[in-house]
Amino acid sequence: MSNVTQIQERFNEINTVILEWLKEQADFPVVMAESSDPRPDETHLSFKMLTNLIKLGAKDERIINKTTGKVTLRAHRQFTVAIEAIGNPVGPDEDLDDLIRATDILHAVHISLDQITVRDKFNAADLAIINEGTVTDISQLLETETEPRALLEIVLAARFDITDNPGYFDTVELTGDFDTDCDGEFDDYSTGVIQVKVS
């Protein structure tokens, strides 16, 4: 499996955890902001990763499997996730409850970050909450209507495991005639197989 495939699979796992968490907190559709799926016409939540991965620590951990010779590079990376609540546009003569509700939705999401059940699910997926962020009202005017919007940015840390196969081994097998007593001559009984353990 290529490194790209391993990274993609890990991102899919992270996105699934975030998606399920958001769906549990709000009775509205949740979509990935960069998805090709059409945006819902109703009030909904969207999320996406904002920044590149930031390395945590001086170097990544290397775990060697002495049986297979493979090495797992265990990398810890930090990234930001932007979550938006987007409501239905509100005209000048309409009720402004939806305008308030966009922020209310994200306040509920924000508070849930301290729930034990939410933390447990994040931990089970090797995700750590670094910064819970704050909810910001980013509602905007669309011609004569106001589109209720609210933004929450949280910082997470995740573990990424990349498997490498550098060809390490711990046993060398030699076949042939050997000078076992180091006298410069091959011994009659030295023909065969010798296994040398490499520590």
Protein backbone atom coordinates (compact mmCIF):
# COMPACT_ATOMS: atom_id res chain seq x y z
CA MET A 1 0.00 0.00 0.00
CA SER A 2 1.45 3.39 -1.02
CA ASN A 3 2.02 6.24 1.42
CA VAL A 4 -0.63 8.31 -0.35
CA THR A 5 -3.20 5.54 0.06
CA GLN A 6 -2.38 5.18 3.77
CA ILE A 7 -2.74 8.95 4.31
CA GLN A 8 -6.02 9.05 2.37
CA GLU A 9 -7.45 6.20 4.43
CA ARG A 10 -6.49 8.00 7.64
CA PHE A 11 -8.13 11.24 6.47
CA ASN A 12 -11.27 9.27 5.63
CA GLU A 13 -11.30 7.86 9.17
CA ILE A 14 -10.91 11.36 10.66
CA ASN A 15 -13.64 12.82 8.47
CA THR A 16 -15.98 9.99 9.46
CA VAL A 17 -15.44 10.66 13.18
CA ILE A 18 -16.08 14.40 12.75
CA LEU A 19 -19.13 13.76 10.56
CA GLU A 20 -20.70 11.35 13.06
CA TRP A 21 -19.96 13.70 15.97
CA LEU A 22 -21.66 16.65 14.25
CA LYS A 23 -24.68 14.58 13.24
CA GLU A 24 -25.18 13.55 16.86
CA GLN A 25 -25.20 17.18 18.04
CA ALA A 26 -27.61 18.78 15.58
CA ASP A 27 -30.87 17.78 13.90
CA PHE A 28 -29.66 19.17 10.58
CA PRO A 29 -27.82 17.77 7.54
CA VAL A 30 -24.03 17.73 7.78
CA VAL A 31 -21.84 17.93 4.67
CA MET A 32 -18.14 18.18 3.91
CA ALA A 33 -17.47 21.67 2.51
CA GLU A 34 -15.22 20.33 -0.27
CA SER A 35 -17.60 17.54 -1.26
CA SER A 36 -19.04 17.41 -4.78
CA ASP A 37 -22.50 16.79 -3.29
CA PRO A 38 -24.97 19.68 -3.72
CA ARG A 39 -25.36 22.02 -0.74
CA PRO A 40 -28.66 21.52 1.13
CA ASP A 41 -31.26 24.26 0.74
CA GLU A 42 -32.21 23.97 4.40
CA THR A 43 -30.27 24.88 7.53
CA HIS A 44 -27.17 22.67 7.69
CA LEU A 45 -23.63 22.22 9.00
CA SER A 46 -20.48 21.95 6.90
CA PHE A 47 -16.87 21.27 7.84
CA LYS A 48 -13.42 21.12 6.28
CA MET A 49 -9.73 21.08 7.24
CA LEU A 50 -8.29 24.59 7.00
CA THR A 51 -4.53 24.17 7.34
CA ASN A 52 -1.79 21.83 6.31
CA LEU A 53 -0.61 19.25 8.82
CA ILE A 54 1.74 20.69 11.43
CA LYS A 55 4.39 18.36 12.84
CA LEU A 56 4.33 17.85 16.61
CA GLY A 57 7.64 17.09 18.29
CA ALA A 58 11.19 17.06 16.97
CA LYS A 59 10.93 13.75 15.15
CA ASP A 60 8.48 10.96 14.45
CA GLU A 61 8.54 7.62 16.25
CA ARG A 62 9.83 4.50 14.46
CA ILE A 63 8.53 1.07 15.47
CA ILE A 64 10.38 -1.96 14.06
CA ASN A 65 8.62 -5.29 13.65
CA LYS A 66 11.43 -7.82 14.13
CA THR A 67 9.33 -10.61 12.64
CA THR A 68 8.48 -8.95 9.33
CA GLY A 69 11.31 -6.44 9.12
CA LYS A 70 8.80 -3.66 8.46
CA VAL A 71 9.00 -0.27 10.13
CA THR A 72 5.99 1.81 11.19
CA LEU A 73 6.56 5.56 11.12
CA ARG A 74 4.24 6.98 13.77
CA ALA A 75 3.66 10.65 13.04
CA HIS A 76 1.70 13.09 15.21
CA ARG A 77 0.22 16.03 13.32
CA GLN A 78 -1.92 19.04 14.25
CA PHE A 79 -4.57 20.60 12.01
CA THR A 80 -7.52 22.99 12.13
CA VAL A 81 -11.11 22.07 11.32
CA ALA A 82 -13.60 24.79 10.34
CA ILE A 83 -17.25 24.09 11.13
CA GLU A 84 -20.00 26.32 9.77
CA ALA A 85 -23.71 26.51 10.54
CA ILE A 86 -25.62 27.96 7.61
CA GLY A 87 -29.28 28.93 7.91
CA ASN A 88 -32.00 29.86 5.44
CA PRO A 89 -31.81 33.47 4.18
CA VAL A 90 -34.07 35.85 6.10
CA GLY A 91 -35.80 38.80 4.41
CA PRO A 92 -36.26 42.26 6.00
CA ASP A 93 -39.86 41.51 6.99
CA GLU A 94 -39.25 37.96 8.24
CA ASP A 95 -38.58 36.51 11.66
CA LEU A 96 -34.92 36.70 12.67
CA ASP A 97 -35.01 33.53 14.78
CA ASP A 98 -33.00 31.69 12.11
CA LEU A 99 -30.30 34.33 12.32
CA ILE A 100 -29.83 33.58 16.01
CA ARG A 101 -30.14 29.85 15.52
CA ALA A 102 -26.98 29.54 13.40
CA THR A 103 -24.89 30.56 16.41
CA ASP A 104 -27.02 28.48 18.77
CA ILE A 105 -26.33 25.37 16.71
CA LEU A 106 -22.58 25.87 16.96
CA HIS A 107 -22.76 26.74 20.66
CA ALA A 108 -24.34 23.31 21.19
CA VAL A 109 -21.59 21.70 19.09
CA HIS A 110 -18.93 23.66 20.97
CA ILE A 111 -20.22 22.63 24.40
CA SER A 112 -20.36 18.97 23.34
CA LEU A 113 -16.56 18.91 22.99
CA ASP A 114 -16.34 18.54 26.78
CA GLN A 115 -18.73 15.61 26.95
CA ILE A 116 -17.13 12.35 28.08
CA THR A 117 -18.80 10.35 25.31
CA VAL A 118 -17.45 12.73 22.64
CA ARG A 119 -13.94 12.70 24.11
CA ASP A 120 -14.01 8.91 24.26
CA LYS A 121 -14.92 8.65 20.57
CA PHE A 122 -12.15 11.04 19.60
CA ASN A 123 -9.63 9.16 21.76
CA ALA A 124 -10.68 5.83 20.26
CA ALA A 125 -9.82 7.24 16.84
CA ASP A 126 -6.44 8.56 18.07
CA LEU A 127 -7.67 12.15 17.89
CA ALA A 128 -6.90 14.75 20.55
CA ILE A 129 -8.67 18.09 21.00
CA ILE A 130 -5.94 20.75 21.27
CA ASN A 131 -8.03 23.94 21.11
CA GLU A 132 -11.83 24.12 21.27
CA GLY A 133 -11.99 27.57 19.66
CA THR A 134 -14.90 30.04 19.94
CA VAL A 135 -18.14 30.53 18.02
CA THR A 136 -18.20 33.58 15.70
CA ASP A 137 -21.23 35.09 13.97
CA ILE A 138 -20.35 35.55 10.28
CA SER A 139 -23.85 36.22 8.93
CA GLN A 140 -23.83 38.03 5.60
CA LEU A 141 -26.19 40.14 3.54
CA LEU A 142 -27.32 38.63 0.23
CA GLU A 143 -28.92 41.49 -1.73
CA THR A 144 -32.03 42.08 0.42
CA GLU A 145 -31.79 38.96 2.57
CA THR A 146 -29.56 38.01 5.46
CA GLU A 147 -27.94 34.57 5.42
CA PRO A 148 -27.43 33.34 8.99
CA ARG A 149 -23.94 31.89 9.41
CA ALA A 150 -21.75 30.96 12.34
CA LEU A 151 -18.19 29.64 12.41
CA LEU A 152 -16.30 27.45 14.87
CA GLU A 153 -12.63 26.54 14.36
CA ILE A 154 -11.16 23.74 16.46
CA VAL A 155 -7.61 22.41 16.53
CA LEU A 156 -7.09 18.65 16.59
CA ALA A 157 -4.06 16.38 16.71
CA ALA A 158 -4.02 12.97 15.05
CA ARG A 159 -1.72 9.98 14.76
CA PHE A 160 -0.71 8.90 11.26
CA ASP A 161 0.96 5.48 10.86
CA ILE A 162 2.94 4.88 7.65
CA THR A 163 4.33 1.39 7.04
CA ASP A 164 7.78 1.12 5.44
CA ASN A 165 9.64 -1.98 4.31
CA PRO A 166 13.38 -1.12 4.31
CA GLY A 167 14.41 -4.79 4.18
CA TYR A 168 15.63 -5.17 7.74
CA PHE A 169 16.47 -8.72 8.88
CA ASP A 170 17.74 -10.37 12.04
CA THR A 171 19.10 -13.67 10.65
CA VAL A 172 21.72 -14.30 7.95
CA GLU A 173 21.92 -17.77 6.41
CA LEU A 174 25.24 -18.80 4.82
CA THR A 175 25.64 -21.94 2.72
CA GLY A 176 28.98 -23.46 1.62
CA ASP A 177 32.40 -24.53 2.92
CA PHE A 178 33.73 -22.71 5.95
CA ASP A 179 37.00 -22.39 7.84
CA THR A 180 35.50 -22.89 11.28
CA ASP A 181 38.78 -22.93 13.23
CA CYS A 182 40.43 -20.04 11.35
CA ASP A 183 43.53 -22.05 10.34
CA GLY A 184 43.34 -21.07 6.69
CA GLU A 185 41.94 -24.42 5.56
CA PHE A 186 38.40 -25.66 4.97
CA ASP A 187 37.35 -28.38 7.39
CA ASP A 188 35.69 -31.54 6.10
CA TYR A 189 32.75 -31.08 8.43
CA SER A 190 32.31 -27.37 7.70
CA THR A 191 30.10 -27.82 4.63
CA GLY A 192 26.47 -26.94 5.33
CA VAL A 193 24.32 -24.10 6.53
CA ILE A 194 25.18 -21.58 9.24
CA GLN A 195 22.61 -19.15 10.66
CA VAL A 196 23.99 -15.98 12.22
CA LYS A 197 21.73 -14.04 14.55
CA VAL A 198 22.02 -10.28 14.07
CA SER A 199 21.15 -8.30 17.21
